[in-house]
Amino acid sequence: MQLARVLGQVVATIKDANLTGMKLLVLQPLSAAGEPAGRTLVALDSVGAGAGEHVFFVRGREAAFPFYPVEPPTDASIVGIVDHWDVE
């Protein structure tokens, strides 16, 4: 899993049928220090996250697991909203 900040939402009227009703969000991955780390990406939201929130997300095959039995064509999904994190 990786930390990220939600930058905004993607609206797509025409998309794969398995994405119908699913929210797409733009994420900026973050380092443990909270600094931007890597390129922005689009992820499916499984927890009701919104712009400005810190979240954690999964990539790869596991990204479709929260939506079972539907198998959306995704390689990134938000699976948690972060309240805070500590790094020592």
PDB file of N, CA and C in Angstrom:
ATOM      1  N   MET A   1       0.838  -1.180   0.000  1.00  0.00           N
ATOM      2  CA  MET A   1       0.000   0.000   0.000  1.00  0.00           C
ATOM      3  C   MET A   1       0.880   1.239   0.000  1.00  0.00           C
ATOM      4  N   GLN A   2       0.342   2.317  -0.503  1.00  0.00           N
ATOM      5  CA  GLN A   2       1.054   3.587  -0.573  1.00  0.00           C
ATOM      6  C   GLN A   2       0.157   4.709  -0.063  1.00  0.00           C
ATOM      7  N   LEU A   3       0.786   5.758   0.459  1.00  0.00           N
ATOM      8  CA  LEU A   3       0.068   6.950   0.876  1.00  0.00           C
ATOM      9  C   LEU A   3      -0.106   7.871  -0.316  1.00  0.00           C
ATOM     10  N   ALA A   4      -1.184   8.651  -0.315  1.00  0.00           N
ATOM     11  CA  ALA A   4      -1.416   9.626  -1.379  1.00  0.00           C
ATOM     12  C   ALA A   4      -2.339  10.722  -0.872  1.00  0.00           C
ATOM     13  N   ARG A   5      -2.387  11.793  -1.615  1.00  0.00           N
ATOM     14  CA  ARG A   5      -3.360  12.855  -1.363  1.00  0.00           C
ATOM     15  C   ARG A   5      -4.268  12.928  -2.576  1.00  0.00           C
ATOM     16  N   VAL A   6      -5.559  13.088  -2.333  1.00  0.00           N
ATOM     17  CA  VAL A   6      -6.530  13.180  -3.429  1.00  0.00           C
ATOM     18  C   VAL A   6      -6.498  14.600  -3.975  1.00  0.00           C
ATOM     19  N   LEU A   7      -6.201  14.717  -5.264  1.00  0.00           N
ATOM     20  CA  LEU A   7      -6.136  16.026  -5.919  1.00  0.00           C
ATOM     21  C   LEU A   7      -7.480  16.432  -6.510  1.00  0.00           C
ATOM     22  N   GLY A   8      -8.264  15.464  -6.943  1.00  0.00           N
ATOM     23  CA  GLY A   8      -9.530  15.801  -7.582  1.00  0.00           C
ATOM     24  C   GLY A   8     -10.220  14.580  -8.133  1.00  0.00           C
ATOM     25  N   GLN A   9     -11.233  14.811  -8.909  1.00  0.00           N
ATOM     26  CA  GLN A   9     -12.076  13.743  -9.430  1.00  0.00           C
ATOM     27  C   GLN A   9     -11.979  13.708 -10.945  1.00  0.00           C
ATOM     28  N   VAL A  10     -12.149  12.526 -11.508  1.00  0.00           N
ATOM     29  CA  VAL A  10     -12.209  12.353 -12.959  1.00  0.00           C
ATOM     30  C   VAL A  10     -13.645  12.046 -13.329  1.00  0.00           C
ATOM     31  N   VAL A  11     -14.176  12.783 -14.286  1.00  0.00           N
ATOM     32  CA  VAL A  11     -15.528  12.532 -14.783  1.00  0.00           C
ATOM     33  C   VAL A  11     -15.390  11.988 -16.201  1.00  0.00           C
ATOM     34  N   ALA A  12     -15.947  10.809 -16.433  1.00  0.00           N
ATOM     35  CA  ALA A  12     -15.872  10.164 -17.748  1.00  0.00           C
ATOM     36  C   ALA A  12     -17.257   9.629 -18.093  1.00  0.00           C
ATOM     37  N   THR A  13     -17.897  10.254 -19.043  1.00  0.00           N
ATOM     38  CA  THR A  13     -19.239   9.826 -19.435  1.00  0.00           C
ATOM     39  C   THR A  13     -19.195   8.492 -20.167  1.00  0.00           C
ATOM     40  N   ILE A  14     -18.198   8.328 -20.997  1.00  0.00           N
ATOM     41  CA  ILE A  14     -18.065   7.090 -21.763  1.00  0.00           C
ATOM     42  C   ILE A  14     -16.915   6.292 -21.167  1.00  0.00           C
ATOM     43  N   LYS A  15     -17.223   5.093 -20.695  1.00  0.00           N
ATOM     44  CA  LYS A  15     -16.202   4.248 -20.068  1.00  0.00           C
ATOM     45  C   LYS A  15     -16.654   2.798 -20.100  1.00  0.00           C
ATOM     46  N   ASP A  16     -15.777   1.899 -19.698  1.00  0.00           N
ATOM     47  CA  ASP A  16     -16.081   0.479 -19.636  1.00  0.00           C
ATOM     48  C   ASP A  16     -17.305   0.251 -18.743  1.00  0.00           C
ATOM     49  N   ALA A  17     -18.167  -0.657 -19.135  1.00  0.00           N
ATOM     50  CA  ALA A  17     -19.395  -0.921 -18.374  1.00  0.00           C
ATOM     51  C   ALA A  17     -19.117  -1.339 -16.936  1.00  0.00           C
ATOM     52  N   ASN A  18     -17.972  -1.988 -16.688  1.00  0.00           N
ATOM     53  CA  ASN A  18     -17.629  -2.419 -15.328  1.00  0.00           C
ATOM     54  C   ASN A  18     -17.173  -1.262 -14.441  1.00  0.00           C
ATOM     55  N   LEU A  19     -17.095  -0.052 -14.993  1.00  0.00           N
ATOM     56  CA  LEU A  19     -16.765   1.132 -14.196  1.00  0.00           C
ATOM     57  C   LEU A  19     -17.995   1.978 -13.885  1.00  0.00           C
ATOM     58  N   THR A  20     -19.158   1.532 -14.350  1.00  0.00           N
ATOM     59  CA  THR A  20     -20.387   2.288 -14.129  1.00  0.00           C
ATOM     60  C   THR A  20     -20.664   2.448 -12.633  1.00  0.00           C
ATOM     61  N   GLY A  21     -20.908   3.680 -12.224  1.00  0.00           N
ATOM     62  CA  GLY A  21     -21.218   3.968 -10.825  1.00  0.00           C
ATOM     63  C   GLY A  21     -20.019   4.060  -9.909  1.00  0.00           C
ATOM     64  N   MET A  22     -18.815   3.911 -10.444  1.00  0.00           N
ATOM     65  CA  MET A  22     -17.609   3.973  -9.610  1.00  0.00           C
ATOM     66  C   MET A  22     -16.954   5.335  -9.737  1.00  0.00           C
ATOM     67  N   LYS A  23     -16.432   5.844  -8.603  1.00  0.00           N
ATOM     68  CA  LYS A  23     -15.794   7.155  -8.573  1.00  0.00           C
ATOM     69  C   LYS A  23     -14.304   7.015  -8.886  1.00  0.00           C
ATOM     70  N   LEU A  24     -13.846   7.860  -9.799  1.00  0.00           N
ATOM     71  CA  LEU A  24     -12.436   7.890 -10.185  1.00  0.00           C
ATOM     72  C   LEU A  24     -11.802   9.150  -9.591  1.00  0.00           C
ATOM     73  N   LEU A  25     -10.699   8.992  -8.881  1.00  0.00           N
ATOM     74  CA  LEU A  25     -10.036  10.125  -8.253  1.00  0.00           C
ATOM     75  C   LEU A  25      -8.591  10.244  -8.725  1.00  0.00           C
ATOM     76  N   VAL A  26      -8.106  11.473  -8.793  1.00  0.00           N
ATOM     77  CA  VAL A  26      -6.715  11.741  -9.151  1.00  0.00           C
ATOM     78  C   VAL A  26      -5.903  11.771  -7.862  1.00  0.00           C
ATOM     79  N   LEU A  27      -4.828  10.975  -7.811  1.00  0.00           N
ATOM     80  CA  LEU A  27      -3.995  10.873  -6.610  1.00  0.00           C
ATOM     81  C   LEU A  27      -2.580  11.373  -6.867  1.00  0.00           C
ATOM     82  N   GLN A  28      -2.000  11.995  -5.838  1.00  0.00           N
ATOM     83  CA  GLN A  28      -0.574  12.302  -5.827  1.00  0.00           C
ATOM     84  C   GLN A  28       0.048  11.401  -4.772  1.00  0.00           C
ATOM     85  N   PRO A  29       0.830  10.390  -5.175  1.00  0.00           N
ATOM     86  CA  PRO A  29       1.510   9.553  -4.184  1.00  0.00           C
ATOM     87  C   PRO A  29       2.410  10.413  -3.296  1.00  0.00           C
ATOM     88  N   LEU A  30       2.546   9.992  -2.022  1.00  0.00           N
ATOM     89  CA  LEU A  30       3.348  10.734  -1.044  1.00  0.00           C
ATOM     90  C   LEU A  30       4.419   9.847  -0.439  1.00  0.00           C
ATOM     91  N   SER A  31       5.525  10.473  -0.034  1.00  0.00           N
ATOM     92  CA  SER A  31       6.541   9.776   0.748  1.00  0.00           C
ATOM     93  C   SER A  31       6.072   9.721   2.201  1.00  0.00           C
ATOM     94  N   ALA A  32       6.799   8.997   3.045  1.00  0.00           N
ATOM     95  CA  ALA A  32       6.466   8.927   4.473  1.00  0.00           C
ATOM     96  C   ALA A  32       6.541  10.295   5.124  1.00  0.00           C
ATOM     97  N   ALA A  33       7.345  11.213   4.545  1.00  0.00           N
ATOM     98  CA  ALA A  33       7.455  12.574   5.063  1.00  0.00           C
ATOM     99  C   ALA A  33       6.325  13.471   4.572  1.00  0.00           C
ATOM    100  N   GLY A  34       5.458  12.939   3.727  1.00  0.00           N
ATOM    101  CA  GLY A  34       4.329  13.708   3.213  1.00  0.00           C
ATOM    102  C   GLY A  34       4.647  14.520   1.981  1.00  0.00           C
ATOM    103  N   GLU A  35       5.803  14.287   1.381  1.00  0.00           N
ATOM    104  CA  GLU A  35       6.199  15.009   0.169  1.00  0.00           C
ATOM    105  C   GLU A  35       5.721  14.242  -1.071  1.00  0.00           C
ATOM    106  N   PRO A  36       5.394  14.959  -2.148  1.00  0.00           N
ATOM    107  CA  PRO A  36       5.024  14.273  -3.388  1.00  0.00           C
ATOM    108  C   PRO A  36       6.103  13.276  -3.798  1.00  0.00           C
ATOM    109  N   ALA A  37       5.668  12.087  -4.203  1.00  0.00           N
ATOM    110  CA  ALA A  37       6.603  11.022  -4.573  1.00  0.00           C
ATOM    111  C   ALA A  37       6.068  10.294  -5.793  1.00  0.00           C
ATOM    112  N   GLY A  38       6.505  10.693  -6.940  1.00  0.00           N
ATOM    113  CA  GLY A  38       6.066  10.016  -8.152  1.00  0.00           C
ATOM    114  C   GLY A  38       5.002  10.782  -8.889  1.00  0.00           C
ATOM    115  N   ARG A  39       4.575  10.183  -9.978  1.00  0.00           N
ATOM    116  CA  ARG A  39       3.604  10.815 -10.870  1.00  0.00           C
ATOM    117  C   ARG A  39       2.182  10.629 -10.374  1.00  0.00           C
ATOM    118  N   THR A  40       1.340  11.567 -10.730  1.00  0.00           N
ATOM    119  CA  THR A  40      -0.069  11.441 -10.383  1.00  0.00           C
ATOM    120  C   THR A  40      -0.667  10.242 -11.113  1.00  0.00           C
ATOM    121  N   LEU A  41      -1.761   9.738 -10.564  1.00  0.00           N
ATOM    122  CA  LEU A  41      -2.447   8.599 -11.171  1.00  0.00           C
ATOM    123  C   LEU A  41      -3.927   8.688 -10.885  1.00  0.00           C
ATOM    124  N   VAL A  42      -4.688   7.877 -11.611  1.00  0.00           N
ATOM    125  CA  VAL A  42      -6.129   7.786 -11.393  1.00  0.00           C
ATOM    126  C   VAL A  42      -6.415   6.456 -10.703  1.00  0.00           C
ATOM    127  N   ALA A  43      -7.238   6.506  -9.658  1.00  0.00           N
ATOM    128  CA  ALA A  43      -7.578   5.297  -8.901  1.00  0.00           C
ATOM    129  C   ALA A  43      -9.083   5.234  -8.685  1.00  0.00           C
ATOM    130  N   LEU A  44      -9.598   4.016  -8.576  1.00  0.00           N
ATOM    131  CA  LEU A  44     -10.996   3.831  -8.192  1.00  0.00           C
ATOM    132  C   LEU A  44     -11.111   4.029  -6.690  1.00  0.00           C
ATOM    133  N   ASP A  45     -12.216   4.596  -6.260  1.00  0.00           N
ATOM    134  CA  ASP A  45     -12.436   4.850  -4.836  1.00  0.00           C
ATOM    135  C   ASP A  45     -13.397   3.814  -4.264  1.00  0.00           C
ATOM    136  N   SER A  46     -12.982   3.096  -3.216  1.00  0.00           N
ATOM    137  CA  SER A  46     -13.866   2.105  -2.583  1.00  0.00           C
ATOM    138  C   SER A  46     -14.321   2.541  -1.194  1.00  0.00           C
ATOM    139  N   VAL A  47     -13.919   3.755  -0.755  1.00  0.00           N
ATOM    140  CA  VAL A  47     -14.204   4.153   0.634  1.00  0.00           C
ATOM    141  C   VAL A  47     -14.896   5.512   0.764  1.00  0.00           C
ATOM    142  N   GLY A  48     -15.184   6.194  -0.323  1.00  0.00           N
ATOM    143  CA  GLY A  48     -15.847   7.496  -0.231  1.00  0.00           C
ATOM    144  C   GLY A  48     -14.908   8.645   0.042  1.00  0.00           C
ATOM    145  N   ALA A  49     -13.680   8.576  -0.458  1.00  0.00           N
ATOM    146  CA  ALA A  49     -12.694   9.648  -0.262  1.00  0.00           C
ATOM    147  C   ALA A  49     -13.048  10.863  -1.121  1.00  0.00           C
ATOM    148  N   GLY A  50     -12.439  12.013  -0.753  1.00  0.00           N
ATOM    149  CA  GLY A  50     -12.694  13.222  -1.510  1.00  0.00           C
ATOM    150  C   GLY A  50     -11.445  14.071  -1.634  1.00  0.00           C
ATOM    151  N   ALA A  51     -11.549  15.124  -2.415  1.00  0.00           N
ATOM    152  CA  ALA A  51     -10.410  16.020  -2.677  1.00  0.00           C
ATOM    153  C   ALA A  51      -9.830  16.551  -1.376  1.00  0.00           C
ATOM    154  N   GLY A  52      -8.496  16.555  -1.307  1.00  0.00           N
ATOM    155  CA  GLY A  52      -7.770  17.075  -0.161  1.00  0.00           C
ATOM    156  C   GLY A  52      -7.481  16.046   0.918  1.00  0.00           C
ATOM    157  N   GLU A  53      -8.134  14.898   0.872  1.00  0.00           N
ATOM    158  CA  GLU A  53      -7.919  13.889   1.921  1.00  0.00           C
ATOM    159  C   GLU A  53      -6.656  13.075   1.634  1.00  0.00           C
ATOM    160  N   HIS A  54      -6.055  12.590   2.721  1.00  0.00           N
ATOM    161  CA  HIS A  54      -4.953  11.643   2.616  1.00  0.00           C
ATOM    162  C   HIS A  54      -5.545  10.239   2.634  1.00  0.00           C
ATOM    163  N   VAL A  55      -5.061   9.404   1.768  1.00  0.00           N
ATOM    164  CA  VAL A  55      -5.599   8.054   1.620  1.00  0.00           C
ATOM    165  C   VAL A  55      -4.450   7.072   1.478  1.00  0.00           C
ATOM    166  N   PHE A  56      -4.755   5.789   1.561  1.00  0.00           N
ATOM    167  CA  PHE A  56      -3.798   4.789   1.121  1.00  0.00           C
ATOM    168  C   PHE A  56      -4.461   3.958   0.040  1.00  0.00           C
ATOM    169  N   PHE A  57      -3.617   3.490  -0.874  1.00  0.00           N
ATOM    170  CA  PHE A  57      -4.152   2.789  -2.033  1.00  0.00           C
ATOM    171  C   PHE A  57      -3.291   1.591  -2.367  1.00  0.00           C
ATOM    172  N   VAL A  58      -3.890   0.666  -3.129  1.00  0.00           N
ATOM    173  CA  VAL A  58      -3.179  -0.524  -3.590  1.00  0.00           C
ATOM    174  C   VAL A  58      -3.079  -0.467  -5.109  1.00  0.00           C
ATOM    175  N   ARG A  59      -2.070  -1.148  -5.606  1.00  0.00           N
ATOM    176  CA  ARG A  59      -1.864  -1.209  -7.055  1.00  0.00           C
ATOM    177  C   ARG A  59      -1.789  -2.658  -7.484  1.00  0.00           C
ATOM    178  N   GLY A  60      -1.997  -2.873  -8.764  1.00  0.00           N
ATOM    179  CA  GLY A  60      -1.878  -4.215  -9.324  1.00  0.00           C
ATOM    180  C   GLY A  60      -3.195  -4.973  -9.254  1.00  0.00           C
ATOM    181  N   ARG A  61      -3.107  -6.270  -9.326  1.00  0.00           N
ATOM    182  CA  ARG A  61      -4.286  -7.134  -9.362  1.00  0.00           C
ATOM    183  C   ARG A  61      -5.187  -6.923  -8.151  1.00  0.00           C
ATOM    184  N   GLU A  62      -4.598  -6.651  -6.986  1.00  0.00           N
ATOM    185  CA  GLU A  62      -5.378  -6.465  -5.756  1.00  0.00           C
ATOM    186  C   GLU A  62      -6.296  -5.252  -5.835  1.00  0.00           C
ATOM    187  N   ALA A  63      -6.055  -4.355  -6.744  1.00  0.00           N
ATOM    188  CA  ALA A  63      -6.856  -3.131  -6.854  1.00  0.00           C
ATOM    189  C   ALA A  63      -8.314  -3.430  -7.192  1.00  0.00           C
ATOM    190  N   ALA A  64      -8.597  -4.542  -7.798  1.00  0.00           N
ATOM    191  CA  ALA A  64      -9.985  -4.889  -8.154  1.00  0.00           C
ATOM    192  C   ALA A  64     -10.703  -5.601  -7.013  1.00  0.00           C
ATOM    193  N   PHE A  65      -9.976  -6.104  -6.002  1.00  0.00           N
ATOM    194  CA  PHE A  65     -10.569  -6.907  -4.927  1.00  0.00           C
ATOM    195  C   PHE A  65     -11.697  -6.192  -4.167  1.00  0.00           C
ATOM    196  N   PRO A  66     -11.602  -4.901  -3.836  1.00  0.00           N
ATOM    197  CA  PRO A  66     -12.686  -4.283  -3.063  1.00  0.00           C
ATOM    198  C   PRO A  66     -14.029  -4.257  -3.786  1.00  0.00           C
ATOM    199  N   PHE A  67     -14.035  -4.488  -5.065  1.00  0.00           N
ATOM    200  CA  PHE A  67     -15.265  -4.375  -5.849  1.00  0.00           C
ATOM    201  C   PHE A  67     -15.860  -5.731  -6.217  1.00  0.00           C
ATOM    202  N   TYR A  68     -15.273  -6.818  -5.685  1.00  0.00           N
ATOM    203  CA  TYR A  68     -15.762  -8.162  -5.969  1.00  0.00           C
ATOM    204  C   TYR A  68     -17.247  -8.273  -5.672  1.00  0.00           C
ATOM    205  N   PRO A  69     -18.090  -8.897  -6.482  1.00  0.00           N
ATOM    206  CA  PRO A  69     -17.769  -9.760  -7.608  1.00  0.00           C
ATOM    207  C   PRO A  69     -17.561  -9.021  -8.936  1.00  0.00           C
ATOM    208  N   VAL A  70     -17.751  -7.707  -8.963  1.00  0.00           N
ATOM    209  CA  VAL A  70     -17.450  -6.947 -10.183  1.00  0.00           C
ATOM    210  C   VAL A  70     -15.935  -6.904 -10.340  1.00  0.00           C
ATOM    211  N   GLU A  71     -15.462  -6.979 -11.568  1.00  0.00           N
ATOM    212  CA  GLU A  71     -14.026  -6.930 -11.821  1.00  0.00           C
ATOM    213  C   GLU A  71     -13.726  -5.733 -12.716  1.00  0.00           C
ATOM    214  N   PRO A  72     -13.656  -4.537 -12.119  1.00  0.00           N
ATOM    215  CA  PRO A  72     -13.398  -3.350 -12.936  1.00  0.00           C
ATOM    216  C   PRO A  72     -11.970  -3.370 -13.494  1.00  0.00           C
ATOM    217  N   PRO A  73     -11.787  -2.772 -14.659  1.00  0.00           N
ATOM    218  CA  PRO A  73     -10.450  -2.717 -15.249  1.00  0.00           C
ATOM    219  C   PRO A  73      -9.629  -1.622 -14.570  1.00  0.00           C
ATOM    220  N   THR A  74      -8.987  -1.952 -13.462  1.00  0.00           N
ATOM    221  CA  THR A  74      -8.206  -0.968 -12.717  1.00  0.00           C
ATOM    222  C   THR A  74      -6.900  -1.571 -12.229  1.00  0.00           C
ATOM    223  N   ASP A  75      -5.904  -0.727 -12.071  1.00  0.00           N
ATOM    224  CA  ASP A  75      -4.656  -1.167 -11.450  1.00  0.00           C
ATOM    225  C   ASP A  75      -4.329  -0.334 -10.223  1.00  0.00           C
ATOM    226  N   ALA A  76      -5.296   0.508  -9.774  1.00  0.00           N
ATOM    227  CA  ALA A  76      -5.107   1.287  -8.548  1.00  0.00           C
ATOM    228  C   ALA A  76      -6.467   1.554  -7.914  1.00  0.00           C
ATOM    229  N   SER A  77      -6.554   1.313  -6.602  1.00  0.00           N
ATOM    230  CA  SER A  77      -7.796   1.573  -5.871  1.00  0.00           C
ATOM    231  C   SER A  77      -7.488   2.125  -4.492  1.00  0.00           C
ATOM    232  N   ILE A  78      -8.292   3.096  -4.069  1.00  0.00           N
ATOM    233  CA  ILE A  78      -8.190   3.656  -2.726  1.00  0.00           C
ATOM    234  C   ILE A  78      -8.907   2.703  -1.784  1.00  0.00           C
ATOM    235  N   VAL A  79      -8.215   2.284  -0.710  1.00  0.00           N
ATOM    236  CA  VAL A  79      -8.807   1.315   0.223  1.00  0.00           C
ATOM    237  C   VAL A  79      -8.874   1.848   1.645  1.00  0.00           C
ATOM    238  N   GLY A  80      -8.453   3.107   1.880  1.00  0.00           N
ATOM    239  CA  GLY A  80      -8.559   3.660   3.219  1.00  0.00           C
ATOM    240  C   GLY A  80      -8.335   5.159   3.225  1.00  0.00           C
ATOM    241  N   ILE A  81      -9.011   5.833   4.170  1.00  0.00           N
ATOM    242  CA  ILE A  81      -8.809   7.265   4.385  1.00  0.00           C
ATOM    243  C   ILE A  81      -7.952   7.412   5.633  1.00  0.00           C
ATOM    244  N   VAL A  82      -6.861   8.156   5.533  1.00  0.00           N
ATOM    245  CA  VAL A  82      -5.877   8.275   6.615  1.00  0.00           C
ATOM    246  C   VAL A  82      -6.280   9.414   7.556  1.00  0.00           C
ATOM    247  N   ASP A  83      -6.346   9.106   8.857  1.00  0.00           N
ATOM    248  CA  ASP A  83      -6.585  10.143   9.860  1.00  0.00           C
ATOM    249  C   ASP A  83      -5.282  10.877  10.165  1.00  0.00           C
ATOM    250  N   HIS A  84      -4.211  10.135  10.369  1.00  0.00           N
ATOM    251  CA  HIS A  84      -2.875  10.701  10.578  1.00  0.00           C
ATOM    252  C   HIS A  84      -1.864   9.575  10.493  1.00  0.00           C
ATOM    253  N   TRP A  85      -0.592   9.934  10.361  1.00  0.00           N
ATOM    254  CA  TRP A  85       0.473   8.942  10.422  1.00  0.00           C
ATOM    255  C   TRP A  85       1.670   9.555  11.113  1.00  0.00           C
ATOM    256  N   ASP A  86       2.459   8.672  11.732  1.00  0.00           N
ATOM    257  CA  ASP A  86       3.657   9.086  12.455  1.00  0.00           C
ATOM    258  C   ASP A  86       4.858   8.369  11.875  1.00  0.00           C
ATOM    259  N   VAL A  87       5.957   9.072  11.776  1.00  0.00           N
ATOM    260  CA  VAL A  87       7.208   8.488  11.313  1.00  0.00           C
ATOM    261  C   VAL A  87       8.285   8.882  12.307  1.00  0.00           C
ATOM    262  N   GLU A  88       9.016   7.903  12.806  1.00  0.00           N
ATOM    263  CA  GLU A  88      10.084   8.198  13.785  1.00  0.00           C
ATOM    264  C   GLU A  88      11.430   8.088  13.134  1.00  0.00           C
TER     265      GLU A  88
END
